[in-house]
Amino acid sequence: MNKIYITTSATSSGEAAHLGLLIVQNGVNILIDGNQSEAFGLPLRIPLSVATKHNPIFGNIILETITSTGTPTQQSLDAFGAVGLNIDPADVDSKITTILNAISNFGSGTLYTHDGIPRTYYDLDIGYNPVAINSNSVANTLLSVAGIDMRDVVSSTGQEANDYVGHLHLLDSSGDDTFTAYQYDGIFDTTVFHDNTGNDTIIVE
C-alpha cells in the first residue's frame, strides 16, 4: 500500500529532533532528508566567496534522496523511526505526486555515492544553519506543499514541533509551488518564507 511516513533520528544530544520523509509507492521506496553540503564535501553551484547568503562553514542546505525497491520491513521502518501519516487513502497518491514534483522543481539532481550508498542530492542554493535552515526545514517544506501540517504529524512522535528546530522555514524552488503557512500558537512562532523564483502561491491558514 502506498504511504507517506515521517522519519525521526536522534541528534547528538540524544533527542529525536531530526525530521525526514519516506515515500512508499508501487514497490519503490524514497527516503528524503536534508543535510549540509559540507558534511559530504559536495561541490556548490555558487562559490562561497561571492555568495554571501551561503554558509562558509556548513555549506548549502541540500535535499537528498535514496531510492530502493521492495516492501520495507518493520525492522527497517523502526531503524528510521518511521511513523506512517494518517492520510485518506484516496489522497495519498496525489500528495506523493505533489511532493515529488516539488523536489523536481529544485533541479535535476546530482548522483553521488556516500557510505557506499547511491544517492541523489539537490542543492537548494541557500546556506545551511543548524538552528534555522536545516533538515527540518526541508521536511516542513515538502509537507507544506502537500497540504500537511508538520505540527500535526510530529505529535505522533510524542514530541512538540518546537523540538524540531528549523521547522518554521519554507524553502522555495525555481518552479511554481503552492505552500500553506499554518497558524501557530506561540507568540514568537511565525513562518519564514525563503523566496526563489517561479510563481508561487502561499495559503495562510
N, C-alpha and C. Protein backbone atom coordinates (compact mmCIF):
# COMPACT_ATOMS: atom_id res chain seq x y z
N MET A 1 0.83 -1.19 0.00
CA MET A 1 0.00 0.00 0.00
C MET A 1 0.87 1.25 0.00
N ASN A 2 0.54 2.20 -0.84
CA ASN A 2 1.30 3.44 -0.91
C ASN A 2 1.10 4.25 0.37
N LYS A 3 2.20 4.86 0.84
CA LYS A 3 2.13 5.54 2.13
C LYS A 3 3.22 6.59 2.25
N ILE A 4 2.95 7.61 3.06
CA ILE A 4 3.93 8.63 3.40
C ILE A 4 4.25 8.49 4.88
N TYR A 5 5.53 8.45 5.19
CA TYR A 5 6.00 8.36 6.57
C TYR A 5 6.82 9.61 6.90
N ILE A 6 6.83 9.98 8.17
CA ILE A 6 7.89 10.86 8.66
C ILE A 6 8.94 9.96 9.29
N THR A 7 10.19 10.39 9.24
CA THR A 7 11.27 9.64 9.87
C THR A 7 11.94 10.56 10.89
N THR A 8 12.31 9.99 12.02
CA THR A 8 12.99 10.76 13.06
C THR A 8 14.26 10.04 13.47
N SER A 9 15.29 10.80 13.78
CA SER A 9 16.53 10.20 14.25
C SER A 9 17.13 11.09 15.32
N ALA A 10 17.94 10.51 16.16
CA ALA A 10 18.48 11.23 17.30
C ALA A 10 19.56 12.22 16.88
N THR A 11 19.58 13.36 17.54
CA THR A 11 20.66 14.32 17.36
C THR A 11 21.77 13.95 18.34
N SER A 12 22.84 14.73 18.34
CA SER A 12 23.97 14.45 19.23
C SER A 12 23.57 14.57 20.70
N SER A 13 22.51 15.32 20.97
CA SER A 13 22.07 15.48 22.35
C SER A 13 21.17 14.33 22.79
N GLY A 14 20.84 13.43 21.84
CA GLY A 14 20.03 12.28 22.18
C GLY A 14 18.55 12.47 21.97
N GLU A 15 18.14 13.67 21.53
CA GLU A 15 16.73 13.93 21.30
C GLU A 15 16.38 13.64 19.84
N ALA A 16 15.18 13.09 19.62
CA ALA A 16 14.74 12.80 18.25
C ALA A 16 14.22 14.08 17.62
N ALA A 17 15.14 14.90 17.13
CA ALA A 17 14.77 16.22 16.64
C ALA A 17 15.16 16.43 15.19
N HIS A 18 15.42 15.35 14.48
CA HIS A 18 15.82 15.42 13.08
C HIS A 18 14.72 14.75 12.27
N LEU A 19 14.09 15.49 11.38
CA LEU A 19 12.90 15.02 10.66
C LEU A 19 13.20 14.81 9.18
N GLY A 20 12.70 13.71 8.65
CA GLY A 20 12.79 13.43 7.22
C GLY A 20 11.49 12.78 6.76
N LEU A 21 11.47 12.34 5.51
CA LEU A 21 10.28 11.69 4.95
C LEU A 21 10.66 10.38 4.29
N LEU A 22 9.72 9.47 4.25
CA LEU A 22 9.85 8.23 3.49
C LEU A 22 8.58 8.05 2.69
N ILE A 23 8.74 7.91 1.38
CA ILE A 23 7.62 7.67 0.49
C ILE A 23 7.69 6.23 -0.01
N VAL A 24 6.60 5.52 0.12
CA VAL A 24 6.49 4.15 -0.41
C VAL A 24 5.39 4.17 -1.45
N GLN A 25 5.76 3.88 -2.69
CA GLN A 25 4.79 3.94 -3.78
C GLN A 25 5.11 2.88 -4.83
N ASN A 26 4.17 1.98 -5.02
CA ASN A 26 4.26 0.96 -6.07
C ASN A 26 5.59 0.20 -6.04
N GLY A 27 5.99 -0.22 -4.85
CA GLY A 27 7.20 -1.03 -4.72
C GLY A 27 8.50 -0.25 -4.72
N VAL A 28 8.41 1.08 -4.76
CA VAL A 28 9.61 1.93 -4.73
C VAL A 28 9.59 2.75 -3.45
N ASN A 29 10.73 2.77 -2.76
CA ASN A 29 10.87 3.50 -1.51
C ASN A 29 11.83 4.66 -1.72
N ILE A 30 11.40 5.85 -1.34
CA ILE A 30 12.24 7.04 -1.49
C ILE A 30 12.42 7.68 -0.13
N LEU A 31 13.64 7.60 0.38
CA LEU A 31 13.99 8.23 1.65
C LEU A 31 14.45 9.65 1.36
N ILE A 32 13.84 10.62 2.01
CA ILE A 32 14.09 12.03 1.72
C ILE A 32 14.62 12.70 2.98
N ASP A 33 15.73 13.41 2.84
CA ASP A 33 16.34 14.05 4.00
C ASP A 33 17.00 15.34 3.58
N GLY A 34 17.30 16.17 4.54
CA GLY A 34 18.07 17.38 4.30
C GLY A 34 19.39 17.28 5.04
N ASN A 35 20.41 17.95 4.51
CA ASN A 35 21.71 17.90 5.17
C ASN A 35 22.53 19.09 4.73
N GLN A 36 23.74 19.16 5.24
CA GLN A 36 24.66 20.23 4.88
C GLN A 36 25.65 19.72 3.85
N SER A 37 25.86 20.49 2.82
CA SER A 37 26.74 20.04 1.74
C SER A 37 28.16 19.81 2.23
N GLU A 38 28.60 20.59 3.20
CA GLU A 38 29.98 20.47 3.70
C GLU A 38 30.23 19.10 4.32
N ALA A 39 29.17 18.48 4.85
CA ALA A 39 29.33 17.18 5.50
C ALA A 39 29.78 16.10 4.52
N PHE A 40 29.47 16.30 3.23
CA PHE A 40 29.82 15.31 2.22
C PHE A 40 30.87 15.82 1.23
N GLY A 41 31.37 17.03 1.46
CA GLY A 41 32.35 17.59 0.54
C GLY A 41 31.79 17.81 -0.85
N LEU A 42 30.50 18.12 -0.93
CA LEU A 42 29.86 18.27 -2.24
C LEU A 42 30.18 19.63 -2.84
N PRO A 43 30.31 19.69 -4.15
CA PRO A 43 30.56 20.98 -4.80
C PRO A 43 29.30 21.84 -4.77
N LEU A 44 29.50 23.15 -4.67
CA LEU A 44 28.38 24.08 -4.65
C LEU A 44 28.26 24.76 -6.00
N ARG A 45 27.06 25.15 -6.35
CA ARG A 45 26.83 25.79 -7.65
C ARG A 45 27.40 27.20 -7.68
N ILE A 46 27.42 27.85 -6.52
CA ILE A 46 27.92 29.22 -6.45
C ILE A 46 29.07 29.26 -5.46
N PRO A 47 30.24 29.79 -5.85
CA PRO A 47 31.37 29.84 -4.91
C PRO A 47 31.00 30.62 -3.65
N LEU A 48 31.37 30.08 -2.50
CA LEU A 48 31.01 30.74 -1.25
C LEU A 48 31.60 32.15 -1.15
N SER A 49 32.74 32.37 -1.81
CA SER A 49 33.42 33.66 -1.70
C SER A 49 32.63 34.78 -2.35
N VAL A 50 31.71 34.46 -3.26
CA VAL A 50 30.95 35.51 -3.93
C VAL A 50 29.46 35.40 -3.63
N ALA A 51 29.09 34.53 -2.74
CA ALA A 51 27.67 34.36 -2.41
C ALA A 51 27.48 34.51 -0.91
N THR A 52 27.18 35.71 -0.47
CA THR A 52 27.13 35.98 0.95
C THR A 52 25.99 35.26 1.65
N LYS A 53 24.96 34.84 0.91
CA LYS A 53 23.85 34.15 1.56
C LYS A 53 24.19 32.69 1.86
N HIS A 54 25.34 32.22 1.38
CA HIS A 54 25.74 30.85 1.64
C HIS A 54 26.64 30.77 2.86
N ASN A 55 26.57 29.64 3.54
CA ASN A 55 27.28 29.48 4.80
C ASN A 55 28.68 28.91 4.56
N PRO A 56 29.75 29.67 4.90
CA PRO A 56 31.11 29.20 4.62
C PRO A 56 31.56 28.06 5.52
N ILE A 57 30.80 27.77 6.58
CA ILE A 57 31.18 26.70 7.50
C ILE A 57 30.48 25.40 7.13
N PHE A 58 29.16 25.47 6.97
CA PHE A 58 28.38 24.26 6.72
C PHE A 58 28.07 24.05 5.24
N GLY A 59 28.25 25.10 4.43
CA GLY A 59 27.88 24.99 3.02
C GLY A 59 26.40 25.23 2.83
N ASN A 60 25.85 24.70 1.74
CA ASN A 60 24.44 24.88 1.43
C ASN A 60 23.59 23.79 2.07
N ILE A 61 22.31 24.08 2.21
CA ILE A 61 21.37 23.02 2.56
C ILE A 61 21.12 22.20 1.29
N ILE A 62 21.18 20.90 1.41
CA ILE A 62 20.88 20.03 0.28
C ILE A 62 19.71 19.12 0.64
N LEU A 63 18.94 18.78 -0.37
CA LEU A 63 17.90 17.78 -0.24
C LEU A 63 18.45 16.50 -0.84
N GLU A 64 18.35 15.43 -0.10
CA GLU A 64 18.96 14.17 -0.51
C GLU A 64 17.90 13.07 -0.59
N THR A 65 17.97 12.27 -1.64
CA THR A 65 17.05 11.14 -1.77
C THR A 65 17.84 9.84 -1.96
N ILE A 66 17.35 8.78 -1.34
CA ILE A 66 17.90 7.44 -1.51
C ILE A 66 16.74 6.55 -1.94
N THR A 67 16.89 5.87 -3.07
CA THR A 67 15.81 5.07 -3.63
C THR A 67 16.13 3.59 -3.53
N SER A 68 15.16 2.80 -3.12
CA SER A 68 15.29 1.36 -3.06
C SER A 68 13.97 0.74 -3.52
N THR A 69 13.96 -0.57 -3.66
CA THR A 69 12.76 -1.26 -4.10
C THR A 69 12.37 -2.35 -3.09
N GLY A 70 11.13 -2.79 -3.18
CA GLY A 70 10.65 -3.82 -2.27
C GLY A 70 9.82 -3.23 -1.15
N THR A 71 9.22 -4.08 -0.38
CA THR A 71 8.39 -3.65 0.75
C THR A 71 9.26 -3.46 1.98
N PRO A 72 9.24 -2.27 2.59
CA PRO A 72 10.08 -2.05 3.77
C PRO A 72 9.61 -2.93 4.93
N THR A 73 10.56 -3.54 5.61
CA THR A 73 10.23 -4.38 6.76
C THR A 73 9.97 -3.50 7.97
N GLN A 74 9.30 -4.06 8.96
CA GLN A 74 9.06 -3.31 10.19
C GLN A 74 10.38 -2.96 10.86
N GLN A 75 11.37 -3.85 10.72
CA GLN A 75 12.68 -3.59 11.30
C GLN A 75 13.33 -2.36 10.67
N SER A 76 13.22 -2.24 9.34
CA SER A 76 13.82 -1.08 8.67
C SER A 76 13.04 0.19 9.00
N LEU A 77 11.72 0.08 9.11
CA LEU A 77 10.93 1.26 9.49
C LEU A 77 11.30 1.72 10.89
N ASP A 78 11.48 0.78 11.79
CA ASP A 78 11.87 1.12 13.16
C ASP A 78 13.25 1.76 13.20
N ALA A 79 14.15 1.29 12.33
CA ALA A 79 15.52 1.82 12.30
C ALA A 79 15.53 3.29 11.92
N PHE A 80 14.58 3.69 11.08
CA PHE A 80 14.50 5.09 10.65
C PHE A 80 13.52 5.89 11.51
N GLY A 81 12.96 5.26 12.52
CA GLY A 81 11.97 5.96 13.33
C GLY A 81 10.78 6.38 12.50
N ALA A 82 10.38 5.54 11.54
CA ALA A 82 9.33 5.90 10.60
C ALA A 82 7.94 5.74 11.21
N VAL A 83 7.14 6.77 11.05
CA VAL A 83 5.76 6.78 11.53
C VAL A 83 4.86 7.12 10.35
N GLY A 84 3.93 6.23 10.02
CA GLY A 84 3.03 6.46 8.90
C GLY A 84 2.04 7.57 9.18
N LEU A 85 1.79 8.42 8.16
CA LEU A 85 0.85 9.52 8.33
C LEU A 85 -0.57 9.04 8.09
N ASN A 86 -1.47 9.55 8.87
CA ASN A 86 -2.88 9.19 8.76
C ASN A 86 -3.53 10.04 7.67
N ILE A 87 -3.46 9.55 6.44
CA ILE A 87 -3.98 10.28 5.28
C ILE A 87 -5.05 9.42 4.62
N ASP A 88 -6.12 10.05 4.17
CA ASP A 88 -7.16 9.33 3.44
C ASP A 88 -6.51 8.60 2.27
N PRO A 89 -6.70 7.28 2.16
CA PRO A 89 -6.08 6.51 1.06
C PRO A 89 -6.36 7.10 -0.32
N ALA A 90 -7.49 7.76 -0.48
CA ALA A 90 -7.84 8.36 -1.77
C ALA A 90 -6.95 9.56 -2.09
N ASP A 91 -6.29 10.12 -1.07
CA ASP A 91 -5.48 11.32 -1.28
C ASP A 91 -3.98 11.04 -1.29
N VAL A 92 -3.57 9.83 -0.92
CA VAL A 92 -2.15 9.55 -0.74
C VAL A 92 -1.38 9.74 -2.04
N ASP A 93 -1.85 9.17 -3.15
CA ASP A 93 -1.10 9.25 -4.40
C ASP A 93 -0.94 10.68 -4.88
N SER A 94 -1.98 11.49 -4.74
CA SER A 94 -1.87 12.88 -5.19
C SER A 94 -0.88 13.67 -4.34
N LYS A 95 -0.85 13.37 -3.04
CA LYS A 95 0.10 14.06 -2.17
C LYS A 95 1.53 13.61 -2.46
N ILE A 96 1.71 12.32 -2.75
CA ILE A 96 3.04 11.84 -3.15
C ILE A 96 3.50 12.52 -4.41
N THR A 97 2.62 12.62 -5.39
CA THR A 97 2.96 13.29 -6.65
C THR A 97 3.35 14.74 -6.42
N THR A 98 2.61 15.42 -5.55
CA THR A 98 2.91 16.82 -5.24
C THR A 98 4.28 16.96 -4.61
N ILE A 99 4.62 16.07 -3.68
CA ILE A 99 5.93 16.11 -3.02
C ILE A 99 7.05 15.86 -4.03
N LEU A 100 6.89 14.85 -4.88
CA LEU A 100 7.93 14.53 -5.86
C LEU A 100 8.08 15.64 -6.89
N ASN A 101 6.98 16.28 -7.27
CA ASN A 101 7.06 17.42 -8.19
C ASN A 101 7.80 18.58 -7.54
N ALA A 102 7.55 18.79 -6.24
CA ALA A 102 8.24 19.87 -5.53
C ALA A 102 9.74 19.62 -5.50
N ILE A 103 10.14 18.36 -5.32
CA ILE A 103 11.56 18.03 -5.34
C ILE A 103 12.15 18.30 -6.71
N SER A 104 11.44 17.91 -7.77
CA SER A 104 11.96 18.11 -9.14
C SER A 104 12.09 19.59 -9.47
N ASN A 105 11.31 20.44 -8.80
CA ASN A 105 11.41 21.88 -9.03
C ASN A 105 12.73 22.45 -8.52
N PHE A 106 13.45 21.69 -7.70
CA PHE A 106 14.76 22.14 -7.22
C PHE A 106 15.87 21.82 -8.23
N GLY A 107 15.52 21.16 -9.32
CA GLY A 107 16.51 20.85 -10.35
C GLY A 107 16.54 19.37 -10.67
N SER A 108 17.48 19.00 -11.53
CA SER A 108 17.56 17.61 -11.99
C SER A 108 18.22 16.69 -10.97
N GLY A 109 18.94 17.27 -10.03
CA GLY A 109 19.63 16.44 -9.03
C GLY A 109 20.94 15.91 -9.55
N THR A 110 21.83 15.57 -8.64
CA THR A 110 23.16 15.05 -8.97
C THR A 110 23.37 13.73 -8.26
N LEU A 111 23.78 12.71 -9.02
CA LEU A 111 24.03 11.40 -8.43
C LEU A 111 25.40 11.38 -7.76
N TYR A 112 25.49 10.75 -6.60
CA TYR A 112 26.77 10.54 -5.94
C TYR A 112 26.63 9.37 -4.99
N THR A 113 27.75 8.90 -4.45
CA THR A 113 27.74 7.77 -3.52
C THR A 113 28.39 8.20 -2.22
N HIS A 114 27.73 7.90 -1.11
CA HIS A 114 28.26 8.20 0.22
C HIS A 114 27.99 6.99 1.11
N ASP A 115 29.02 6.56 1.84
CA ASP A 115 28.92 5.35 2.67
C ASP A 115 28.51 4.14 1.84
N GLY A 116 28.93 4.14 0.60
CA GLY A 116 28.64 3.01 -0.28
C GLY A 116 27.22 2.96 -0.80
N ILE A 117 26.43 4.01 -0.55
CA ILE A 117 25.02 4.03 -0.96
C ILE A 117 24.82 5.10 -2.03
N PRO A 118 24.29 4.73 -3.20
CA PRO A 118 23.99 5.72 -4.24
C PRO A 118 22.88 6.66 -3.77
N ARG A 119 23.06 7.93 -4.02
CA ARG A 119 22.10 8.95 -3.60
C ARG A 119 21.96 10.00 -4.69
N THR A 120 20.92 10.79 -4.57
CA THR A 120 20.77 11.97 -5.43
C THR A 120 20.62 13.18 -4.51
N TYR A 121 21.38 14.24 -4.82
CA TYR A 121 21.22 15.43 -4.00
C TYR A 121 20.82 16.62 -4.86
N TYR A 122 20.10 17.53 -4.23
CA TYR A 122 19.62 18.76 -4.86
C TYR A 122 20.14 19.92 -4.02
N ASP A 123 20.92 20.79 -4.65
CA ASP A 123 21.45 21.96 -3.96
C ASP A 123 20.35 23.02 -3.94
N LEU A 124 19.87 23.38 -2.74
CA LEU A 124 18.77 24.32 -2.63
C LEU A 124 19.21 25.78 -2.70
N ASP A 125 20.50 25.99 -2.90
CA ASP A 125 21.03 27.33 -3.20
C ASP A 125 20.81 28.32 -2.06
N ILE A 126 20.90 27.83 -0.82
CA ILE A 126 20.83 28.72 0.33
C ILE A 126 21.63 28.08 1.45
N GLY A 127 22.23 28.90 2.29
CA GLY A 127 23.14 28.39 3.31
C GLY A 127 22.46 27.57 4.39
N TYR A 128 23.14 26.50 4.81
CA TYR A 128 22.67 25.66 5.91
C TYR A 128 22.94 26.35 7.24
N ASN A 129 22.00 26.23 8.16
CA ASN A 129 22.19 26.78 9.50
C ASN A 129 21.57 25.78 10.48
N PRO A 130 22.34 25.22 11.39
CA PRO A 130 21.82 24.18 12.28
C PRO A 130 20.67 24.64 13.17
N VAL A 131 20.53 25.94 13.40
CA VAL A 131 19.44 26.43 14.24
C VAL A 131 18.42 27.23 13.44
N ALA A 132 18.46 27.13 12.12
CA ALA A 132 17.50 27.85 11.28
C ALA A 132 17.14 26.97 10.09
N ILE A 133 17.82 27.17 8.97
CA ILE A 133 17.51 26.40 7.76
C ILE A 133 18.28 25.08 7.81
N ASN A 134 17.55 23.99 8.02
CA ASN A 134 18.20 22.69 8.17
C ASN A 134 17.29 21.58 7.65
N SER A 135 17.55 20.36 8.06
CA SER A 135 16.77 19.22 7.56
C SER A 135 15.29 19.35 7.91
N ASN A 136 15.00 19.91 9.08
CA ASN A 136 13.61 20.07 9.46
C ASN A 136 12.88 21.09 8.57
N SER A 137 13.62 22.05 8.04
CA SER A 137 13.04 22.99 7.09
C SER A 137 12.66 22.28 5.79
N VAL A 138 13.51 21.36 5.36
CA VAL A 138 13.22 20.59 4.14
C VAL A 138 11.96 19.76 4.34
N ALA A 139 11.87 19.05 5.46
CA ALA A 139 10.70 18.22 5.73
C ALA A 139 9.44 19.08 5.81
N ASN A 140 9.52 20.20 6.52
CA ASN A 140 8.37 21.09 6.66
C ASN A 140 7.92 21.62 5.30
N THR A 141 8.88 21.95 4.45
CA THR A 141 8.56 22.47 3.12
C THR A 141 7.79 21.45 2.30
N LEU A 142 8.26 20.21 2.28
CA LEU A 142 7.62 19.18 1.47
C LEU A 142 6.24 18.80 2.03
N LEU A 143 6.11 18.80 3.34
CA LEU A 143 4.80 18.55 3.93
C LEU A 143 3.84 19.69 3.61
N SER A 144 4.35 20.91 3.64
CA SER A 144 3.51 22.08 3.38
C SER A 144 2.94 22.07 1.97
N VAL A 145 3.78 21.74 0.97
CA VAL A 145 3.28 21.75 -0.41
C VAL A 145 2.23 20.66 -0.62
N ALA A 146 2.28 19.62 0.22
CA ALA A 146 1.28 18.54 0.14
C ALA A 146 0.06 18.83 1.00
N GLY A 147 0.02 20.01 1.62
CA GLY A 147 -1.12 20.37 2.44
C GLY A 147 -1.18 19.62 3.75
N ILE A 148 0.01 19.30 4.31
CA ILE A 148 0.10 18.56 5.57
C ILE A 148 0.78 19.45 6.61
N ASP A 149 0.14 19.62 7.74
CA ASP A 149 0.67 20.46 8.81
C ASP A 149 1.70 19.66 9.60
N MET A 150 2.95 20.07 9.52
CA MET A 150 4.03 19.37 10.21
C MET A 150 3.75 19.27 11.70
N ARG A 151 3.14 20.29 12.28
CA ARG A 151 2.88 20.29 13.72
C ARG A 151 1.89 19.19 14.11
N ASP A 152 0.99 18.88 13.21
CA ASP A 152 0.02 17.82 13.50
C ASP A 152 0.69 16.45 13.50
N VAL A 153 1.60 16.24 12.53
CA VAL A 153 2.16 14.89 12.38
C VAL A 153 3.25 14.56 13.40
N VAL A 154 3.99 15.57 13.87
CA VAL A 154 5.05 15.25 14.82
C VAL A 154 4.50 14.84 16.18
N SER A 155 3.23 15.14 16.43
CA SER A 155 2.65 14.73 17.71
C SER A 155 2.66 13.21 17.84
N SER A 156 2.72 12.51 16.69
CA SER A 156 2.76 11.05 16.72
C SER A 156 4.11 10.53 17.23
N THR A 157 5.12 11.41 17.31
CA THR A 157 6.42 11.01 17.84
C THR A 157 6.50 11.22 19.34
N GLY A 158 5.45 11.80 19.92
CA GLY A 158 5.46 12.09 21.35
C GLY A 158 6.19 13.36 21.69
N GLN A 159 6.49 14.17 20.66
CA GLN A 159 7.19 15.43 20.89
C GLN A 159 6.37 16.59 20.36
N GLU A 160 6.88 17.79 20.61
CA GLU A 160 6.26 19.01 20.10
C GLU A 160 7.05 19.49 18.89
N ALA A 161 6.37 20.26 18.05
CA ALA A 161 7.03 20.77 16.85
C ALA A 161 8.25 21.61 17.20
N ASN A 162 8.20 22.31 18.32
CA ASN A 162 9.33 23.16 18.70
C ASN A 162 10.58 22.36 19.03
N ASP A 163 10.44 21.03 19.22
CA ASP A 163 11.61 20.19 19.41
C ASP A 163 12.40 20.04 18.12
N TYR A 164 11.76 20.39 17.00
CA TYR A 164 12.38 20.25 15.68
C TYR A 164 12.81 21.64 15.20
N VAL A 165 13.96 22.06 15.66
CA VAL A 165 14.47 23.39 15.32
C VAL A 165 14.58 23.53 13.81
N GLY A 166 14.11 24.67 13.29
CA GLY A 166 14.16 24.91 11.85
C GLY A 166 12.86 24.63 11.12
N HIS A 167 11.87 24.10 11.84
CA HIS A 167 10.64 23.70 11.16
C HIS A 167 9.78 24.89 10.73
N LEU A 168 10.11 26.09 11.16
CA LEU A 168 9.31 27.26 10.80
C LEU A 168 9.65 27.80 9.41
N HIS A 169 10.66 27.23 8.75
CA HIS A 169 11.12 27.76 7.46
C HIS A 169 10.52 26.99 6.29
N LEU A 170 10.16 27.73 5.24
CA LEU A 170 9.70 27.17 3.97
C LEU A 170 10.70 27.57 2.89
N LEU A 171 11.19 26.58 2.14
CA LEU A 171 12.25 26.81 1.16
C LEU A 171 11.68 26.74 -0.26
N ASP A 172 11.71 27.85 -0.95
CA ASP A 172 11.15 27.94 -2.29
C ASP A 172 12.12 27.38 -3.32
N SER A 173 11.56 26.87 -4.42
CA SER A 173 12.37 26.38 -5.54
C SER A 173 12.26 27.37 -6.69
N SER A 174 12.79 27.00 -7.85
CA SER A 174 12.68 27.86 -9.02
C SER A 174 11.40 27.58 -9.80
N GLY A 175 10.60 26.61 -9.33
CA GLY A 175 9.35 26.29 -10.01
C GLY A 175 8.17 27.01 -9.39
N ASP A 176 6.98 26.65 -9.84
CA ASP A 176 5.75 27.22 -9.31
C ASP A 176 5.24 26.31 -8.20
N ASP A 177 5.27 26.79 -6.99
CA ASP A 177 4.89 25.98 -5.83
C ASP A 177 3.72 26.61 -5.09
N THR A 178 2.98 25.77 -4.39
CA THR A 178 1.90 26.23 -3.52
C THR A 178 2.21 25.78 -2.10
N PHE A 179 2.34 26.73 -1.19
CA PHE A 179 2.66 26.43 0.20
C PHE A 179 1.47 26.80 1.10
N THR A 180 1.40 26.13 2.23
CA THR A 180 0.43 26.52 3.25
C THR A 180 1.19 26.95 4.49
N ALA A 181 0.92 28.19 4.93
CA ALA A 181 1.50 28.70 6.17
C ALA A 181 0.48 28.48 7.27
N TYR A 182 0.75 27.51 8.14
CA TYR A 182 -0.22 27.13 9.15
C TYR A 182 -0.17 28.07 10.35
N GLN A 183 -1.30 28.17 11.03
CA GLN A 183 -1.40 29.02 12.20
C GLN A 183 -0.66 28.39 13.37
N TYR A 184 0.16 29.18 14.05
CA TYR A 184 0.91 28.71 15.20
C TYR A 184 0.41 29.41 16.46
N ASP A 185 0.60 28.74 17.58
CA ASP A 185 0.10 29.27 18.84
C ASP A 185 1.12 30.16 19.55
N GLY A 186 2.41 29.85 19.40
CA GLY A 186 3.44 30.60 20.12
C GLY A 186 3.56 32.04 19.63
N ILE A 187 3.76 32.96 20.56
CA ILE A 187 3.82 34.37 20.20
C ILE A 187 5.03 34.68 19.30
N PHE A 188 6.09 33.88 19.41
CA PHE A 188 7.28 34.11 18.60
C PHE A 188 7.37 33.13 17.43
N ASP A 189 6.34 32.31 17.22
CA ASP A 189 6.35 31.33 16.14
C ASP A 189 5.70 31.91 14.90
N THR A 190 6.46 32.02 13.85
CA THR A 190 5.93 32.52 12.59
C THR A 190 6.65 31.85 11.43
N THR A 191 5.96 31.66 10.34
CA THR A 191 6.57 31.03 9.17
C THR A 191 7.54 32.00 8.49
N VAL A 192 8.72 31.50 8.16
CA VAL A 192 9.72 32.29 7.43
C VAL A 192 9.83 31.71 6.03
N PHE A 193 9.49 32.52 5.03
CA PHE A 193 9.47 32.06 3.65
C PHE A 193 10.72 32.55 2.93
N HIS A 194 11.47 31.63 2.33
CA HIS A 194 12.69 31.96 1.61
C HIS A 194 12.40 31.89 0.12
N ASP A 195 12.18 33.04 -0.48
CA ASP A 195 11.73 33.12 -1.87
C ASP A 195 12.86 32.80 -2.84
N ASN A 196 12.49 32.16 -3.93
CA ASN A 196 13.42 31.93 -5.03
C ASN A 196 12.79 32.54 -6.28
N THR A 197 12.49 31.76 -7.28
CA THR A 197 11.81 32.27 -8.46
C THR A 197 10.55 31.44 -8.69
N GLY A 198 9.90 31.68 -9.81
CA GLY A 198 8.64 30.99 -10.09
C GLY A 198 7.45 31.77 -9.56
N ASN A 199 6.28 31.33 -9.95
CA ASN A 199 5.04 31.98 -9.50
C ASN A 199 4.44 31.11 -8.38
N ASP A 200 4.64 31.57 -7.17
CA ASP A 200 4.23 30.78 -6.01
C ASP A 200 2.92 31.27 -5.42
N THR A 201 2.24 30.35 -4.77
CA THR A 201 1.00 30.67 -4.05
C THR A 201 1.21 30.27 -2.59
N ILE A 202 0.90 31.18 -1.69
CA ILE A 202 1.00 30.92 -0.26
C ILE A 202 -0.39 31.00 0.35
N ILE A 203 -0.86 29.90 0.87
CA ILE A 203 -2.16 29.85 1.53
C ILE A 203 -1.93 30.05 3.03
N VAL A 204 -2.58 31.04 3.59
CA VAL A 204 -2.42 31.34 5.01
C VAL A 204 -3.62 30.79 5.76
N GLU A 205 -3.34 29.90 6.71
CA GLU A 205 -4.40 29.27 7.48
C GLU A 205 -5.12 30.29 8.35
